[in-house]
Amino acid sequence: MRDFNLPHINWTTRQSHAPGSKLIDLKNTNSLKQHVNEPTRGNNILDLVMTTTDLSINGLKVTDKIGDHQMIDFSLEVQDPNTRTQHKQVFDYKRANFELMREELGSYNYEVLMNNKNAEECYMILKDKIATATDHHITRKRIRATNSPPWISQEIKRLINARQHSYRRLKRYQTKPYRQEHIYPCKTVKRTIKSIKRNKEITVAAQAKTNPKSFYKYVNDRRPKKDTIGPLIDSEGSTQTNNRSKAKIHNTYFTSVFTHEDLTEIPQPQVLNTQEILSDSVFTVEEVKEQLSILNPYKSTGPDGLGPRILRESQSNK
């Protein structure tokens, strides 16, 4: 928010001659939103309020004059970065005992359990047994979303706290011995962060082929967040910024590329008469093991709650 002193910008059409065009380009490139639509000095809109998409401006109005400019009154809503998020429980595979899990799964007599059961009932029985064995032999850990970089560990947090303690002491006493003593924790924090960050990036790069999710998560966390669509130009050449207009532009574009079929000449499918009926599907143990062994353990869990890592580890070694 400031006095940009660019009276030649038309904020209705988002068009301007130089030097106002540079501000328009900067606004569009960074998906910024300009909220002031009333003159703030004479007939010109000179004082602007621009925000990114994750900030919310409410009740903005141009009020009384101070000097030769009007005042701008508004409220700004931001999310507290220190707000605690709800913890999420996930499996801790590093502390899992897969051998005991396989022994428990192998102790059941599935021929008796699944006798005279259809495919859906057999599936539910198997799912229940795997879920029970998972709860018995795989511990869970709690995680929560954080804004900290992925290389921030408890060790680094401890060193940062020590540096802050040293700084507060230096600020209080302002003596040369405390100033010299403050140099060591500063260098230690810088050196440790550099080392751990380098090791983290080496690990992510080494697992890029086997665990691409970890690689893309690291890359996306390092990129600036742009979670909404910026201004769009409609068919008449006007720039649209409100969500309804942008949704209409997208809908018009997507419907324009649809293929319009001629419904008067629909081909008739060929009727195939065959006596061969697939009444049974037979899968051998080796075929099932082969499919389980090629499951990617880093993929997400399906709607049944059975992750690929659990299914892969649940197969018998016999």
Protein backbone atom coordinates (compact mmCIF):
# COMPACT_ATOMS: atom_id res chain seq x y z
CA MET A 1 0.00 0.00 0.00
CA ARG A 2 1.41 3.38 -1.01
CA ASP A 3 1.01 6.45 -3.21
CA PHE A 4 2.21 5.23 -6.62
CA ASN A 5 1.44 8.58 -8.30
CA LEU A 6 0.39 6.98 -11.60
CA PRO A 7 -2.75 8.88 -12.67
CA HIS A 8 -2.92 7.47 -16.21
CA ILE A 9 -3.82 3.91 -15.25
CA ASN A 10 -7.39 2.88 -16.02
CA TRP A 11 -8.10 0.37 -13.25
CA THR A 12 -11.39 -0.63 -14.87
CA THR A 13 -9.76 -1.98 -18.03
CA ARG A 14 -6.31 -2.49 -16.41
CA GLN A 15 -4.64 -0.57 -19.23
CA SER A 16 -2.14 2.27 -19.19
CA HIS A 17 0.65 3.96 -21.10
CA ALA A 18 4.23 3.98 -19.78
CA PRO A 19 5.27 4.13 -16.98
CA GLY A 20 1.95 2.78 -15.67
CA SER A 21 2.17 -0.22 -18.00
CA LYS A 22 5.14 -1.54 -16.01
CA LEU A 23 3.04 -1.61 -12.85
CA ILE A 24 0.23 -3.40 -14.72
CA ASP A 25 2.68 -6.01 -16.00
CA LEU A 26 4.14 -6.46 -12.51
CA LYS A 27 0.65 -6.89 -11.05
CA ASN A 28 -0.39 -9.48 -13.66
CA THR A 29 2.89 -11.41 -13.46
CA ASN A 30 2.65 -11.82 -9.69
CA SER A 31 -1.14 -12.40 -9.60
CA LEU A 32 -1.73 -9.32 -7.45
CA LYS A 33 -5.12 -7.75 -6.85
CA GLN A 34 -5.67 -3.97 -6.68
CA HIS A 35 -8.56 -3.06 -4.33
CA VAL A 36 -8.97 0.73 -4.64
CA ASN A 37 -11.62 1.74 -7.22
CA GLU A 38 -12.38 5.33 -6.09
CA PRO A 39 -10.28 8.50 -6.65
CA THR A 40 -7.91 9.31 -3.81
CA ARG A 41 -6.65 12.68 -5.12
CA GLY A 42 -8.82 14.78 -7.38
CA ASN A 43 -10.20 12.46 -10.07
CA ASN A 44 -7.23 10.10 -10.00
CA ILE A 45 -6.58 6.82 -8.20
CA LEU A 46 -3.05 7.39 -6.93
CA ASP A 47 -3.06 5.50 -3.61
CA LEU A 48 -3.21 1.76 -4.25
CA VAL A 49 -3.69 -1.32 -2.09
CA MET A 50 -2.34 -4.50 -3.69
CA THR A 51 -2.37 -7.94 -2.12
CA THR A 52 -1.47 -11.47 -3.03
CA THR A 53 -4.13 -14.13 -3.21
CA ASP A 54 -3.63 -15.39 0.35
CA LEU A 55 -4.52 -12.02 1.90
CA SER A 56 -8.10 -10.82 2.30
CA ILE A 57 -9.14 -7.14 2.29
CA ASN A 58 -12.52 -6.33 3.86
CA GLY A 59 -14.52 -3.13 4.12
CA LEU A 60 -12.21 -0.97 2.03
CA LYS A 61 -13.50 2.59 1.61
CA VAL A 62 -12.07 5.99 0.69
CA THR A 63 -12.80 8.38 3.55
CA ASP A 64 -11.84 11.89 4.76
CA LYS A 65 -9.01 13.91 3.27
CA ILE A 66 -5.60 14.32 4.88
CA GLY A 67 -3.63 17.02 3.10
CA ASP A 68 -4.39 16.63 -0.61
CA HIS A 69 -5.10 12.87 -0.46
CA GLN A 70 -8.09 10.88 0.75
CA MET A 71 -7.64 8.32 3.53
CA ILE A 72 -8.12 4.61 2.77
CA ASP A 73 -9.75 2.58 5.53
CA PHE A 74 -9.80 -1.24 5.40
CA SER A 75 -9.26 -4.37 7.46
CA LEU A 76 -6.72 -7.02 6.56
CA GLU A 77 -7.29 -10.70 7.35
CA VAL A 78 -4.25 -12.95 7.46
CA GLN A 79 -3.77 -16.45 8.78
CA ASP A 80 -1.65 -16.72 11.88
CA PRO A 81 1.43 -18.75 10.84
CA ASN A 82 1.77 -19.97 14.42
CA THR A 83 -1.76 -21.42 14.50
CA ARG A 84 -1.56 -25.03 15.55
CA THR A 85 -2.83 -27.48 12.98
CA GLN A 86 -4.47 -30.76 13.83
CA HIS A 87 -2.07 -33.64 14.12
CA LYS A 88 -2.27 -36.45 11.59
CA GLN A 89 -1.39 -40.04 12.39
CA VAL A 90 0.59 -42.05 9.85
CA PHE A 91 2.35 -45.41 9.91
CA ASP A 92 5.97 -45.42 11.07
CA TYR A 93 7.41 -48.05 8.73
CA LYS A 94 10.92 -47.65 10.13
CA ARG A 95 9.77 -49.17 13.43
CA ALA A 96 7.47 -51.80 11.90
CA ASN A 97 7.92 -55.53 12.50
CA PHE A 98 6.91 -56.96 9.13
CA GLU A 99 8.13 -60.46 10.03
CA LEU A 100 5.63 -60.77 12.87
CA MET A 101 2.93 -59.27 10.67
CA ARG A 102 3.53 -61.95 8.04
CA GLU A 103 3.50 -64.66 10.72
CA GLU A 104 0.13 -63.45 12.02
CA LEU A 105 -1.35 -63.29 8.52
CA GLY A 106 -0.04 -66.80 7.80
CA SER A 107 -1.62 -68.26 10.96
CA TYR A 108 -5.20 -68.03 9.62
CA ASN A 109 -6.92 -70.86 7.78
CA TYR A 110 -8.31 -68.93 4.84
CA GLU A 111 -9.96 -71.98 3.27
CA VAL A 112 -12.21 -72.25 6.32
CA LEU A 113 -12.75 -68.49 6.68
CA MET A 114 -13.69 -68.04 3.03
CA ASN A 115 -15.65 -71.23 2.52
CA ASN A 116 -18.89 -70.61 0.60
CA LYS A 117 -18.17 -66.87 0.42
CA ASN A 118 -18.43 -64.71 -2.68
CA ALA A 119 -15.61 -62.47 -3.95
CA GLU A 120 -16.78 -59.39 -2.03
CA GLU A 121 -17.05 -61.28 1.26
CA CYS A 122 -13.62 -62.87 0.79
CA TYR A 123 -12.15 -59.45 0.11
CA MET A 124 -13.68 -57.99 3.29
CA ILE A 125 -12.29 -60.90 5.36
CA LEU A 126 -8.79 -60.46 3.92
CA LYS A 127 -8.94 -56.69 4.38
CA ASP A 128 -9.97 -57.07 8.02
CA LYS A 129 -7.14 -59.53 8.77
CA ILE A 130 -4.52 -57.27 7.13
CA ALA A 131 -5.83 -54.22 9.00
CA THR A 132 -5.71 -56.13 12.32
CA ALA A 133 -2.15 -57.36 11.73
CA THR A 134 -1.12 -53.84 10.70
CA ASP A 135 -2.42 -52.35 13.95
CA HIS A 136 -0.59 -55.04 15.95
CA HIS A 137 2.85 -54.71 14.37
CA ILE A 138 3.17 -51.24 12.81
CA THR A 139 3.32 -48.27 15.15
CA ARG A 140 1.94 -44.88 14.27
CA LYS A 141 3.47 -41.45 14.58
CA ARG A 142 1.92 -38.00 14.66
CA ILE A 143 2.86 -35.37 12.11
CA ARG A 144 1.56 -31.87 11.48
CA ALA A 145 1.93 -29.30 8.75
CA THR A 146 4.72 -26.81 9.28
CA ASN A 147 6.09 -23.78 7.51
CA SER A 148 9.68 -24.72 8.37
CA PRO A 149 12.07 -25.80 5.60
CA PRO A 150 12.42 -29.60 5.27
CA TRP A 151 16.01 -29.56 6.57
CA ILE A 152 15.11 -27.93 9.89
CA SER A 153 15.75 -30.55 12.60
CA GLN A 154 15.70 -30.57 16.38
CA GLU A 155 19.47 -30.08 16.38
CA ILE A 156 19.18 -26.90 14.31
CA LYS A 157 16.35 -25.61 16.50
CA ARG A 158 18.50 -26.16 19.58
CA LEU A 159 21.41 -24.26 18.00
CA ILE A 160 19.12 -21.41 16.94
CA ASN A 161 17.78 -21.12 20.50
CA ALA A 162 21.34 -20.99 21.82
CA ARG A 163 22.17 -18.25 19.29
CA GLN A 164 19.11 -16.24 20.31
CA HIS A 165 20.01 -16.60 23.98
CA SER A 166 23.53 -15.34 23.21
CA TYR A 167 22.11 -12.41 21.22
CA ARG A 168 19.75 -11.35 24.00
CA ARG A 169 22.64 -11.42 26.46
CA LEU A 170 24.79 -9.33 24.10
CA LYS A 171 21.97 -6.84 23.58
CA ARG A 172 21.54 -6.47 27.33
CA TYR A 173 25.18 -5.96 28.36
CA GLN A 174 26.84 -4.64 25.14
CA THR A 175 30.36 -5.72 26.15
CA LYS A 176 33.22 -6.98 24.00
CA PRO A 177 33.50 -10.44 25.66
CA TYR A 178 29.80 -11.12 24.99
CA ARG A 179 30.22 -9.87 21.41
CA GLN A 180 33.09 -12.31 20.85
CA GLU A 181 31.11 -15.10 22.50
CA HIS A 182 28.14 -14.44 20.20
CA ILE A 183 30.24 -15.08 17.06
CA TYR A 184 30.61 -18.82 17.73
CA PRO A 185 26.86 -19.76 17.89
CA CYS A 186 26.22 -17.65 14.78
CA LYS A 187 28.86 -19.50 12.79
CA THR A 188 27.74 -22.85 14.20
CA VAL A 189 24.13 -22.32 13.10
CA LYS A 190 25.19 -21.18 9.62
CA ARG A 191 27.61 -24.09 9.16
CA THR A 192 25.14 -26.71 10.45
CA ILE A 193 22.26 -25.48 8.28
CA LYS A 194 24.50 -25.47 5.21
CA SER A 195 25.68 -29.03 5.89
CA ILE A 196 22.25 -30.51 6.67
CA LYS A 197 20.65 -28.72 3.72
CA ARG A 198 23.33 -30.10 1.37
CA ASN A 199 22.87 -33.64 2.73
CA LYS A 200 19.08 -33.33 2.38
CA GLU A 201 19.36 -32.26 -1.25
CA ILE A 202 21.82 -35.07 -2.01
CA THR A 203 19.40 -37.61 -0.50
CA VAL A 204 16.43 -36.22 -2.44
CA ALA A 205 18.40 -36.22 -5.69
CA ALA A 206 19.59 -39.81 -5.12
CA GLN A 207 15.99 -40.99 -4.59
CA ALA A 208 14.54 -39.01 -7.51
CA LYS A 209 14.03 -42.19 -9.58
CA THR A 210 12.79 -44.51 -6.85
CA ASN A 211 10.85 -41.92 -4.84
CA PRO A 212 9.84 -39.08 -7.19
CA LYS A 213 7.19 -37.84 -4.74
CA SER A 214 9.90 -36.78 -2.31
CA PHE A 215 11.71 -34.91 -5.08
CA TYR A 216 8.65 -33.03 -6.32
CA LYS A 217 7.54 -32.23 -2.77
CA TYR A 218 10.92 -30.67 -2.07
CA VAL A 219 10.84 -28.67 -5.31
CA ASN A 220 7.26 -27.47 -4.78
CA ASP A 221 8.01 -26.42 -1.21
CA ARG A 222 10.80 -24.22 -2.53
CA ARG A 223 8.61 -22.53 -5.12
CA PRO A 224 6.49 -19.45 -4.31
CA LYS A 225 2.85 -20.30 -3.78
CA LYS A 226 0.40 -19.13 -6.44
CA ASP A 227 -2.81 -20.87 -5.59
CA THR A 228 -5.27 -18.86 -7.72
CA ILE A 229 -5.70 -17.81 -11.33
CA GLY A 230 -4.52 -14.33 -12.24
CA PRO A 231 -6.37 -11.75 -14.38
CA LEU A 232 -7.75 -12.98 -17.72
CA ILE A 233 -8.60 -11.15 -20.94
CA ASP A 234 -12.05 -11.91 -22.36
CA SER A 235 -13.13 -12.02 -26.01
CA GLU A 236 -13.77 -8.25 -26.01
CA GLY A 237 -10.23 -7.47 -24.86
CA SER A 238 -11.18 -6.43 -21.33
CA THR A 239 -9.23 -7.68 -18.33
CA GLN A 240 -11.37 -9.62 -15.85
CA THR A 241 -10.29 -10.05 -12.22
CA ASN A 242 -13.35 -11.29 -10.31
CA ASN A 243 -13.84 -15.03 -9.91
CA ARG A 244 -17.21 -15.23 -11.67
CA SER A 245 -15.91 -13.55 -14.82
CA LYS A 246 -12.76 -15.71 -14.89
CA ALA A 247 -14.85 -18.87 -14.45
CA LYS A 248 -17.05 -17.79 -17.37
CA ILE A 249 -13.98 -17.23 -19.59
CA HIS A 250 -12.65 -20.71 -18.74
CA ASN A 251 -16.04 -22.32 -19.36
CA THR A 252 -16.39 -20.59 -22.73
CA TYR A 253 -12.94 -21.77 -23.80
CA PHE A 254 -13.40 -25.39 -22.73
CA THR A 255 -16.82 -25.69 -24.40
CA SER A 256 -15.36 -24.25 -27.61
CA VAL A 257 -12.99 -27.20 -28.07
CA PHE A 258 -15.66 -29.88 -27.66
CA THR A 259 -16.28 -32.12 -30.66
CA HIS A 260 -19.84 -31.93 -31.97
CA GLU A 261 -20.81 -35.37 -33.17
CA ASP A 262 -23.35 -36.01 -35.91
CA LEU A 263 -26.03 -37.89 -33.98
CA THR A 264 -27.96 -38.79 -37.16
CA GLU A 265 -25.29 -41.24 -38.34
CA ILE A 266 -24.35 -43.27 -35.30
CA PRO A 267 -22.72 -46.57 -36.35
CA GLN A 268 -24.33 -49.76 -35.13
CA PRO A 269 -22.08 -52.08 -33.12
CA GLN A 270 -21.42 -55.51 -34.56
CA VAL A 271 -23.22 -58.31 -32.75
CA LEU A 272 -20.82 -61.11 -31.83
CA ASN A 273 -22.23 -64.54 -31.13
CA THR A 274 -19.91 -66.80 -29.18
CA GLN A 275 -20.27 -69.90 -27.13
CA GLU A 276 -17.20 -69.18 -25.02
CA ILE A 277 -18.24 -67.83 -21.61
CA LEU A 278 -15.77 -66.69 -18.97
CA SER A 279 -17.27 -68.31 -15.91
CA ASP A 280 -14.16 -68.52 -13.75
CA SER A 281 -10.96 -66.54 -13.20
CA VAL A 282 -7.97 -68.44 -11.88
CA PHE A 283 -4.91 -66.68 -10.45
CA THR A 284 -1.95 -68.64 -9.23
CA VAL A 285 0.01 -67.81 -6.08
CA GLU A 286 3.06 -66.94 -8.18
CA GLU A 287 1.06 -64.46 -10.26
CA VAL A 288 -0.28 -62.71 -7.15
CA LYS A 289 3.21 -62.54 -5.60
CA GLU A 290 4.61 -61.11 -8.81
CA GLN A 291 2.04 -58.30 -8.83
CA LEU A 292 2.61 -57.57 -5.13
CA SER A 293 6.38 -57.43 -5.58
CA ILE A 294 6.17 -54.70 -8.24
CA LEU A 295 3.94 -52.39 -6.19
CA ASN A 296 5.49 -48.97 -5.68
CA PRO A 297 5.71 -48.49 -1.89
CA TYR A 298 5.76 -44.70 -2.26
CA LYS A 299 2.31 -44.49 -3.85
CA SER A 300 -0.67 -43.20 -1.90
CA THR A 301 -3.05 -45.39 0.05
CA GLY A 302 -6.23 -46.40 -1.79
CA PRO A 303 -9.81 -45.91 -0.57
CA ASP A 304 -9.66 -49.26 1.25
CA GLY A 305 -6.94 -47.91 3.58
CA LEU A 306 -4.39 -50.56 2.56
CA GLY A 307 -1.21 -48.88 1.42
CA PRO A 308 1.03 -50.46 -1.25
CA ARG A 309 3.86 -50.81 1.29
CA ILE A 310 1.62 -52.89 3.57
CA LEU A 311 0.36 -55.10 0.72
CA ARG A 312 3.90 -55.64 -0.56
CA GLU A 313 5.24 -56.59 2.87
CA SER A 314 2.26 -58.81 3.70
CA GLN A 315 3.09 -61.49 1.15
CA SER A 316 4.45 -64.72 2.52
CA ASN A 317 8.10 -65.65 1.98
CA LYS A 318 7.17 -69.29 1.44
